[in-house]
């Protein structure tokens, strides 16, 4: 399911056929929920994969679940740096869904000039804190948004 989830996101997000991807996301979300309820998600990599599926689900609760699963994956395997990044990204997505500034700077919006700009970021979060969660510096994240311009 993780591989399918990521495969659905390999193209330019502006060109994604959400009418096709959304039902697949929903099916994956339901199945991962069943696996979680059955106690079948136990290893670090399983928790990371489940977190990614939940990260792509639509609700605030899903974002919080993704953050918890990713944090658990990182605690089970401290060398799984991508789980730390995903925990930060899921927390940021949850904050964005609440309409408040994110902490780490992982979530973007589309600007009028077709650049991606960071959702508001809490200025109290430091680049050292970002680094602890495997998130690039705020300046690097802003520059990344500039590089992710939509084709005109």
N, C-alpha and C. Protein backbone atom coordinates (compact mmCIF):
# COMPACT_ATOMS: atom_id res chain seq x y z
N UNK A 1 0.81 -1.19 0.00
CA UNK A 1 0.00 0.00 0.00
C UNK A 1 0.86 1.26 0.00
N UNK A 2 1.96 1.22 0.73
CA UNK A 2 2.87 2.36 0.76
C UNK A 2 3.42 2.64 -0.64
N UNK A 3 3.86 1.60 -1.31
CA UNK A 3 4.42 1.77 -2.66
C UNK A 3 3.36 2.36 -3.59
N UNK A 4 2.14 1.88 -3.50
CA UNK A 4 1.05 2.42 -4.33
C UNK A 4 0.79 3.88 -3.98
N UNK A 5 0.78 4.20 -2.70
CA UNK A 5 0.57 5.58 -2.25
C UNK A 5 1.63 6.50 -2.85
N UNK A 6 2.87 6.09 -2.76
CA UNK A 6 3.95 6.92 -3.28
C UNK A 6 3.91 6.99 -4.81
N UNK A 7 3.57 5.91 -5.44
CA UNK A 7 3.47 5.88 -6.90
C UNK A 7 2.41 6.87 -7.39
N UNK A 8 1.32 6.97 -6.66
CA UNK A 8 0.28 7.92 -7.04
C UNK A 8 0.77 9.36 -6.97
N UNK A 9 1.86 9.61 -6.24
CA UNK A 9 2.34 10.97 -6.02
C UNK A 9 3.63 11.28 -6.77
N UNK A 10 4.03 10.41 -7.69
CA UNK A 10 5.28 10.64 -8.42
C UNK A 10 5.17 11.72 -9.48
N UNK A 11 3.97 12.03 -9.93
CA UNK A 11 3.82 13.05 -10.98
C UNK A 11 3.67 14.43 -10.35
N UNK A 12 3.66 15.43 -11.19
CA UNK A 12 3.43 16.80 -10.76
C UNK A 12 2.06 16.87 -10.09
N UNK A 13 1.97 17.38 -8.85
CA UNK A 13 0.68 17.41 -8.14
C UNK A 13 -0.41 18.16 -8.91
N UNK A 14 0.00 19.12 -9.72
CA UNK A 14 -0.99 19.88 -10.49
C UNK A 14 -1.59 19.05 -11.61
N UNK A 15 -0.93 17.96 -11.97
CA UNK A 15 -1.42 17.11 -13.06
C UNK A 15 -2.07 15.83 -12.55
N UNK A 16 -2.15 15.66 -11.23
CA UNK A 16 -2.75 14.45 -10.67
C UNK A 16 -4.24 14.42 -10.97
N UNK A 17 -4.72 13.25 -11.27
CA UNK A 17 -6.16 13.05 -11.47
C UNK A 17 -6.74 12.63 -10.13
N UNK A 18 -7.17 13.62 -9.34
CA UNK A 18 -7.65 13.35 -7.99
C UNK A 18 -8.90 12.48 -7.99
N UNK A 19 -9.65 12.50 -9.08
CA UNK A 19 -10.83 11.63 -9.17
C UNK A 19 -10.42 10.16 -9.18
N UNK A 20 -9.21 9.88 -9.59
CA UNK A 20 -8.68 8.52 -9.59
C UNK A 20 -7.93 8.24 -8.28
N UNK A 21 -7.11 9.20 -7.85
CA UNK A 21 -6.25 8.99 -6.68
C UNK A 21 -7.05 8.96 -5.38
N UNK A 22 -8.03 9.83 -5.23
CA UNK A 22 -8.77 9.91 -3.97
C UNK A 22 -9.43 8.59 -3.58
N UNK A 23 -10.12 7.88 -4.47
CA UNK A 23 -10.70 6.59 -4.05
C UNK A 23 -9.63 5.57 -3.66
N UNK A 24 -8.49 5.62 -4.32
CA UNK A 24 -7.40 4.70 -3.94
C UNK A 24 -6.86 5.07 -2.56
N UNK A 25 -6.71 6.39 -2.30
CA UNK A 25 -6.29 6.83 -0.97
C UNK A 25 -7.28 6.36 0.10
N UNK A 26 -8.56 6.51 -0.19
CA UNK A 26 -9.59 6.10 0.78
C UNK A 26 -9.54 4.60 1.05
N UNK A 27 -9.32 3.80 0.02
CA UNK A 27 -9.24 2.35 0.19
C UNK A 27 -8.01 1.98 1.02
N UNK A 28 -6.88 2.62 0.73
CA UNK A 28 -5.67 2.35 1.52
C UNK A 28 -5.88 2.76 2.97
N UNK A 29 -6.49 3.91 3.19
CA UNK A 29 -6.75 4.39 4.54
C UNK A 29 -7.62 3.39 5.31
N UNK A 30 -8.69 2.92 4.67
CA UNK A 30 -9.55 1.92 5.33
C UNK A 30 -8.77 0.66 5.68
N UNK A 31 -7.97 0.18 4.74
CA UNK A 31 -7.23 -1.07 4.97
C UNK A 31 -6.19 -0.89 6.08
N UNK A 32 -5.49 0.21 6.08
CA UNK A 32 -4.50 0.44 7.15
C UNK A 32 -5.22 0.56 8.49
N UNK A 33 -6.38 1.20 8.51
CA UNK A 33 -7.17 1.27 9.75
C UNK A 33 -7.53 -0.11 10.25
N UNK A 34 -7.89 -1.01 9.34
CA UNK A 34 -8.19 -2.40 9.73
C UNK A 34 -6.96 -3.09 10.30
N UNK A 35 -5.82 -2.88 9.66
CA UNK A 35 -4.57 -3.49 10.14
C UNK A 35 -4.19 -2.95 11.51
N UNK A 36 -4.37 -1.64 11.70
CA UNK A 36 -4.09 -1.05 13.02
C UNK A 36 -5.01 -1.64 14.08
N UNK A 37 -6.30 -1.74 13.76
CA UNK A 37 -7.27 -2.28 14.72
C UNK A 37 -6.97 -3.74 15.06
N UNK A 38 -6.41 -4.46 14.11
CA UNK A 38 -6.09 -5.88 14.33
C UNK A 38 -4.74 -6.06 15.03
N UNK A 39 -4.03 -4.97 15.28
CA UNK A 39 -2.72 -5.08 15.93
C UNK A 39 -1.64 -5.62 15.01
N UNK A 40 -1.85 -5.48 13.71
CA UNK A 40 -0.91 -6.05 12.74
C UNK A 40 0.21 -5.10 12.34
N UNK A 41 0.17 -3.87 12.82
CA UNK A 41 1.20 -2.87 12.49
C UNK A 41 2.11 -2.76 13.72
N UNK A 42 3.26 -3.42 13.66
CA UNK A 42 4.10 -3.48 14.85
C UNK A 42 5.54 -3.03 14.63
N UNK A 43 6.10 -3.24 13.46
CA UNK A 43 7.51 -2.90 13.24
C UNK A 43 7.65 -1.42 12.91
N UNK A 44 8.86 -0.92 13.00
CA UNK A 44 9.13 0.48 12.70
C UNK A 44 8.72 0.82 11.27
N UNK A 45 9.10 -0.02 10.33
CA UNK A 45 8.80 0.27 8.93
C UNK A 45 7.30 0.17 8.66
N UNK A 46 6.63 -0.76 9.31
CA UNK A 46 5.17 -0.85 9.17
C UNK A 46 4.50 0.42 9.70
N UNK A 47 4.96 0.90 10.85
CA UNK A 47 4.39 2.13 11.43
C UNK A 47 4.66 3.32 10.52
N UNK A 48 5.85 3.39 9.96
CA UNK A 48 6.18 4.47 9.02
C UNK A 48 5.27 4.42 7.79
N UNK A 49 5.12 3.23 7.22
CA UNK A 49 4.26 3.08 6.04
C UNK A 49 2.81 3.45 6.36
N UNK A 50 2.32 3.00 7.49
CA UNK A 50 0.95 3.34 7.91
C UNK A 50 0.82 4.84 8.12
N UNK A 51 1.84 5.46 8.70
CA UNK A 51 1.82 6.91 8.92
C UNK A 51 1.72 7.66 7.60
N UNK A 52 2.43 7.20 6.59
CA UNK A 52 2.39 7.88 5.29
C UNK A 52 1.00 7.80 4.68
N UNK A 53 0.37 6.64 4.79
CA UNK A 53 -0.99 6.51 4.27
C UNK A 53 -1.92 7.46 5.01
N UNK A 54 -1.79 7.53 6.33
CA UNK A 54 -2.63 8.44 7.11
C UNK A 54 -2.31 9.90 6.84
N UNK A 55 -1.07 10.20 6.51
CA UNK A 55 -0.68 11.58 6.17
C UNK A 55 -1.46 12.07 4.94
N UNK A 56 -1.81 11.14 4.07
CA UNK A 56 -2.53 11.51 2.84
C UNK A 56 -4.04 11.39 2.98
N UNK A 57 -4.52 11.17 4.18
CA UNK A 57 -5.97 11.11 4.43
C UNK A 57 -6.45 12.53 4.77
N UNK A 58 -7.77 12.77 4.73
CA UNK A 58 -8.26 14.15 4.72
C UNK A 58 -8.47 14.87 6.06
N UNK A 59 -8.46 14.19 7.18
CA UNK A 59 -8.92 14.88 8.39
C UNK A 59 -7.79 15.25 9.35
N UNK A 60 -8.11 16.13 10.26
CA UNK A 60 -7.19 16.49 11.34
C UNK A 60 -6.83 15.25 12.14
N UNK A 61 -7.81 14.43 12.46
CA UNK A 61 -7.55 13.20 13.21
C UNK A 61 -6.55 12.31 12.47
N UNK A 62 -6.66 12.24 11.15
CA UNK A 62 -5.73 11.44 10.37
C UNK A 62 -4.31 11.99 10.48
N UNK A 63 -4.18 13.32 10.45
CA UNK A 63 -2.85 13.93 10.61
C UNK A 63 -2.26 13.60 11.97
N UNK A 64 -3.08 13.66 13.00
CA UNK A 64 -2.59 13.35 14.35
C UNK A 64 -2.19 11.88 14.46
N UNK A 65 -2.97 11.01 13.84
CA UNK A 65 -2.63 9.58 13.84
C UNK A 65 -1.32 9.36 13.09
N UNK A 66 -1.16 10.05 11.95
CA UNK A 66 0.08 9.93 11.18
C UNK A 66 1.28 10.35 12.03
N UNK A 67 1.13 11.46 12.76
CA UNK A 67 2.23 11.94 13.61
C UNK A 67 2.57 10.92 14.68
N UNK A 68 1.56 10.36 15.33
CA UNK A 68 1.81 9.37 16.38
C UNK A 68 2.48 8.11 15.82
N UNK A 69 2.00 7.65 14.67
CA UNK A 69 2.59 6.45 14.06
C UNK A 69 4.05 6.71 13.65
N UNK A 70 4.31 7.88 13.07
CA UNK A 70 5.67 8.19 12.65
C UNK A 70 6.60 8.34 13.86
N UNK A 71 6.11 8.97 14.92
CA UNK A 71 6.93 9.08 16.14
C UNK A 71 7.22 7.69 16.71
N UNK A 72 6.22 6.82 16.68
CA UNK A 72 6.43 5.46 17.19
C UNK A 72 7.45 4.72 16.33
N UNK A 73 7.36 4.90 15.02
CA UNK A 73 8.34 4.27 14.12
C UNK A 73 9.75 4.75 14.47
N UNK A 74 9.90 6.05 14.68
CA UNK A 74 11.21 6.61 15.01
C UNK A 74 11.71 6.11 16.36
N UNK A 75 10.80 5.89 17.30
CA UNK A 75 11.22 5.37 18.61
C UNK A 75 11.63 3.90 18.51
N UNK A 76 10.97 3.16 17.64
CA UNK A 76 11.34 1.75 17.45
C UNK A 76 12.66 1.59 16.71
N UNK A 77 12.94 2.52 15.78
CA UNK A 77 14.17 2.48 15.01
C UNK A 77 14.71 3.90 14.86
N UNK A 78 15.57 4.32 15.79
CA UNK A 78 16.11 5.68 15.76
C UNK A 78 16.90 6.00 14.49
N UNK A 79 17.31 5.00 13.74
CA UNK A 79 18.03 5.25 12.49
C UNK A 79 17.09 5.55 11.32
N UNK A 80 15.79 5.44 11.53
CA UNK A 80 14.79 5.67 10.48
C UNK A 80 14.46 7.16 10.43
N UNK A 81 15.40 7.93 9.87
CA UNK A 81 15.28 9.38 9.83
C UNK A 81 14.05 9.87 9.09
N UNK A 82 13.62 9.14 8.09
CA UNK A 82 12.44 9.58 7.34
C UNK A 82 11.18 9.53 8.21
N UNK A 83 11.19 8.70 9.23
CA UNK A 83 10.04 8.67 10.15
C UNK A 83 10.01 9.94 10.99
N UNK A 84 11.17 10.45 11.37
CA UNK A 84 11.22 11.70 12.13
C UNK A 84 10.69 12.85 11.27
N UNK A 85 11.13 12.91 10.00
CA UNK A 85 10.63 13.95 9.11
C UNK A 85 9.10 13.83 8.96
N UNK A 86 8.60 12.63 8.76
CA UNK A 86 7.16 12.43 8.58
C UNK A 86 6.39 12.84 9.83
N UNK A 87 6.93 12.57 11.00
CA UNK A 87 6.26 13.02 12.23
C UNK A 87 6.13 14.54 12.25
N UNK A 88 7.19 15.24 11.87
CA UNK A 88 7.14 16.71 11.80
C UNK A 88 6.14 17.17 10.75
N UNK A 89 6.16 16.54 9.58
CA UNK A 89 5.26 16.93 8.49
C UNK A 89 3.80 16.69 8.88
N UNK A 90 3.54 15.59 9.54
CA UNK A 90 2.16 15.29 9.96
C UNK A 90 1.68 16.29 11.02
N UNK A 91 2.58 16.65 11.94
CA UNK A 91 2.22 17.68 12.93
C UNK A 91 1.93 19.00 12.23
N UNK A 92 2.79 19.36 11.28
CA UNK A 92 2.57 20.61 10.54
C UNK A 92 1.25 20.58 9.77
N UNK A 93 0.93 19.45 9.15
CA UNK A 93 -0.33 19.36 8.41
C UNK A 93 -1.52 19.50 9.35
N UNK A 94 -1.42 18.91 10.52
CA UNK A 94 -2.48 19.06 11.51
C UNK A 94 -2.66 20.51 11.93
N UNK A 95 -1.55 21.20 12.16
CA UNK A 95 -1.63 22.62 12.53
C UNK A 95 -2.23 23.44 11.39
N UNK A 96 -1.82 23.13 10.16
CA UNK A 96 -2.37 23.83 9.01
C UNK A 96 -3.88 23.60 8.93
N UNK A 97 -4.31 22.37 9.18
CA UNK A 97 -5.75 22.07 9.15
C UNK A 97 -6.51 22.80 10.25
N UNK A 98 -5.83 23.15 11.31
CA UNK A 98 -6.44 23.94 12.38
C UNK A 98 -6.42 25.44 12.04
N UNK A 99 -5.68 25.80 10.98
CA UNK A 99 -5.59 27.19 10.59
C UNK A 99 -4.60 28.01 11.40
N UNK A 100 -3.63 27.33 12.01
CA UNK A 100 -2.62 28.03 12.80
C UNK A 100 -1.24 27.77 12.19
N UNK A 101 -0.22 28.58 12.56
CA UNK A 101 1.10 28.39 11.99
C UNK A 101 1.67 27.00 12.29
N UNK A 102 2.36 26.47 11.29
CA UNK A 102 3.06 25.20 11.46
C UNK A 102 4.36 25.45 12.23
N UNK A 103 4.97 24.38 12.71
CA UNK A 103 6.22 24.52 13.48
C UNK A 103 7.45 24.35 12.61
N UNK A 104 7.46 23.33 11.76
CA UNK A 104 8.70 22.92 11.11
C UNK A 104 8.88 23.46 9.70
N UNK A 105 7.81 23.83 9.04
CA UNK A 105 7.93 24.40 7.69
C UNK A 105 7.91 23.35 6.60
N UNK A 106 7.03 22.37 6.72
CA UNK A 106 6.97 21.30 5.72
C UNK A 106 5.77 21.42 4.78
N UNK A 107 4.83 22.32 5.06
CA UNK A 107 3.58 22.40 4.30
C UNK A 107 3.53 23.70 3.49
N UNK A 108 3.12 23.56 2.22
CA UNK A 108 3.12 24.67 1.27
C UNK A 108 1.72 24.98 0.75
N UNK A 109 1.55 26.21 0.27
CA UNK A 109 0.38 26.66 -0.47
C UNK A 109 0.84 27.13 -1.83
N UNK A 110 -0.09 27.26 -2.76
CA UNK A 110 0.23 27.82 -4.07
C UNK A 110 0.02 29.33 -4.00
N UNK A 111 1.02 30.09 -4.43
CA UNK A 111 0.92 31.55 -4.48
C UNK A 111 0.38 31.96 -5.85
N UNK A 112 -0.03 33.21 -5.95
CA UNK A 112 -0.57 33.72 -7.20
C UNK A 112 0.42 33.62 -8.36
N UNK A 113 1.71 33.77 -8.06
CA UNK A 113 2.70 33.73 -9.14
C UNK A 113 3.14 32.31 -9.48
N UNK A 114 2.38 31.33 -9.02
CA UNK A 114 2.58 29.90 -9.27
C UNK A 114 3.71 29.29 -8.45
N UNK A 115 4.32 30.06 -7.57
CA UNK A 115 5.31 29.48 -6.66
C UNK A 115 4.57 28.81 -5.52
N UNK A 116 5.25 27.93 -4.85
CA UNK A 116 4.69 27.37 -3.63
C UNK A 116 5.32 28.14 -2.47
N UNK A 117 4.47 28.59 -1.58
CA UNK A 117 4.98 29.31 -0.42
C UNK A 117 4.63 28.52 0.83
N UNK A 118 5.48 28.65 1.82
CA UNK A 118 5.22 27.95 3.06
C UNK A 118 3.97 28.47 3.73
N UNK A 119 3.20 27.54 4.29
CA UNK A 119 2.12 27.93 5.20
C UNK A 119 2.81 28.70 6.32
N UNK A 120 2.12 29.61 6.98
CA UNK A 120 2.72 30.38 8.07
C UNK A 120 3.48 29.46 9.02
N UNK A 121 4.63 29.94 9.47
CA UNK A 121 5.51 29.16 10.35
C UNK A 121 5.68 29.90 11.67
N UNK A 122 5.57 29.16 12.76
CA UNK A 122 5.79 29.70 14.10
C UNK A 122 7.24 30.15 14.20
N UNK A 123 7.50 31.44 14.43
CA UNK A 123 8.88 31.93 14.46
C UNK A 123 9.67 31.43 15.66
N UNK A 124 9.01 30.86 16.65
CA UNK A 124 9.73 30.37 17.83
C UNK A 124 10.45 29.05 17.57
N UNK A 125 10.07 28.33 16.50
CA UNK A 125 10.74 27.07 16.19
C UNK A 125 12.07 27.38 15.51
N UNK A 126 13.13 26.77 16.02
CA UNK A 126 14.47 27.05 15.50
C UNK A 126 14.89 26.02 14.44
N UNK A 127 15.90 26.39 13.68
CA UNK A 127 16.45 25.44 12.71
C UNK A 127 17.09 24.24 13.41
N UNK A 128 17.57 24.42 14.63
CA UNK A 128 18.09 23.28 15.39
C UNK A 128 16.98 22.29 15.69
N UNK A 129 15.79 22.80 16.05
CA UNK A 129 14.65 21.92 16.27
C UNK A 129 14.25 21.21 14.98
N UNK A 130 14.28 21.94 13.87
CA UNK A 130 13.97 21.32 12.58
C UNK A 130 14.96 20.20 12.30
N UNK A 131 16.22 20.47 12.50
CA UNK A 131 17.26 19.47 12.23
C UNK A 131 17.05 18.22 13.08
N UNK A 132 16.60 18.39 14.31
CA UNK A 132 16.35 17.25 15.18
C UNK A 132 15.26 16.34 14.62
N UNK A 133 14.40 16.89 13.76
CA UNK A 133 13.32 16.12 13.14
C UNK A 133 13.59 15.84 11.66
N UNK A 134 14.86 16.01 11.26
CA UNK A 134 15.28 15.76 9.87
C UNK A 134 14.57 16.66 8.87
N UNK A 135 14.26 17.88 9.29
CA UNK A 135 13.63 18.87 8.42
C UNK A 135 14.69 19.90 8.07
N UNK A 136 14.79 20.28 6.78
CA UNK A 136 15.75 21.32 6.40
C UNK A 136 15.45 22.65 7.09
N UNK A 137 16.40 23.56 7.01
CA UNK A 137 16.23 24.88 7.61
C UNK A 137 15.06 25.60 6.96
N UNK A 138 14.57 26.62 7.65
CA UNK A 138 13.46 27.40 7.13
C UNK A 138 13.84 28.05 5.80
N UNK A 139 15.06 28.56 5.69
CA UNK A 139 15.51 29.17 4.43
C UNK A 139 15.52 28.14 3.31
N UNK A 140 15.97 26.93 3.60
CA UNK A 140 15.98 25.87 2.58
C UNK A 140 14.56 25.51 2.15
N UNK A 141 13.64 25.47 3.10
CA UNK A 141 12.26 25.13 2.76
C UNK A 141 11.62 26.24 1.92
N UNK A 142 11.92 27.48 2.22
CA UNK A 142 11.38 28.58 1.40
C UNK A 142 11.95 28.49 -0.02
N UNK A 143 13.24 28.22 -0.14
CA UNK A 143 13.86 28.10 -1.46
C UNK A 143 13.27 26.92 -2.23
N UNK A 144 12.97 25.85 -1.53
CA UNK A 144 12.34 24.68 -2.17
C UNK A 144 11.01 25.08 -2.79
N UNK A 145 10.24 25.89 -2.08
CA UNK A 145 8.97 26.36 -2.61
C UNK A 145 9.15 27.14 -3.91
N UNK A 146 10.18 27.93 -3.97
CA UNK A 146 10.46 28.68 -5.18
C UNK A 146 10.82 27.75 -6.35
N UNK A 147 11.51 26.67 -6.04
CA UNK A 147 11.90 25.70 -7.09
C UNK A 147 10.71 24.87 -7.56
N UNK A 148 9.65 24.81 -6.75
CA UNK A 148 8.48 23.98 -7.10
C UNK A 148 7.43 24.80 -7.83
N UNK A 149 7.83 25.59 -8.77
CA UNK A 149 6.88 26.41 -9.53
C UNK A 149 6.03 25.52 -10.44
N UNK A 150 4.77 25.90 -10.53
CA UNK A 150 3.87 25.21 -11.45
C UNK A 150 4.20 25.65 -12.86
N UNK A 151 4.13 24.73 -13.82
CA UNK A 151 4.33 25.16 -15.20
C UNK A 151 3.19 26.07 -15.64
N UNK A 152 3.51 27.06 -16.42
CA UNK A 152 2.47 28.01 -16.88
C UNK A 152 1.88 27.55 -18.17
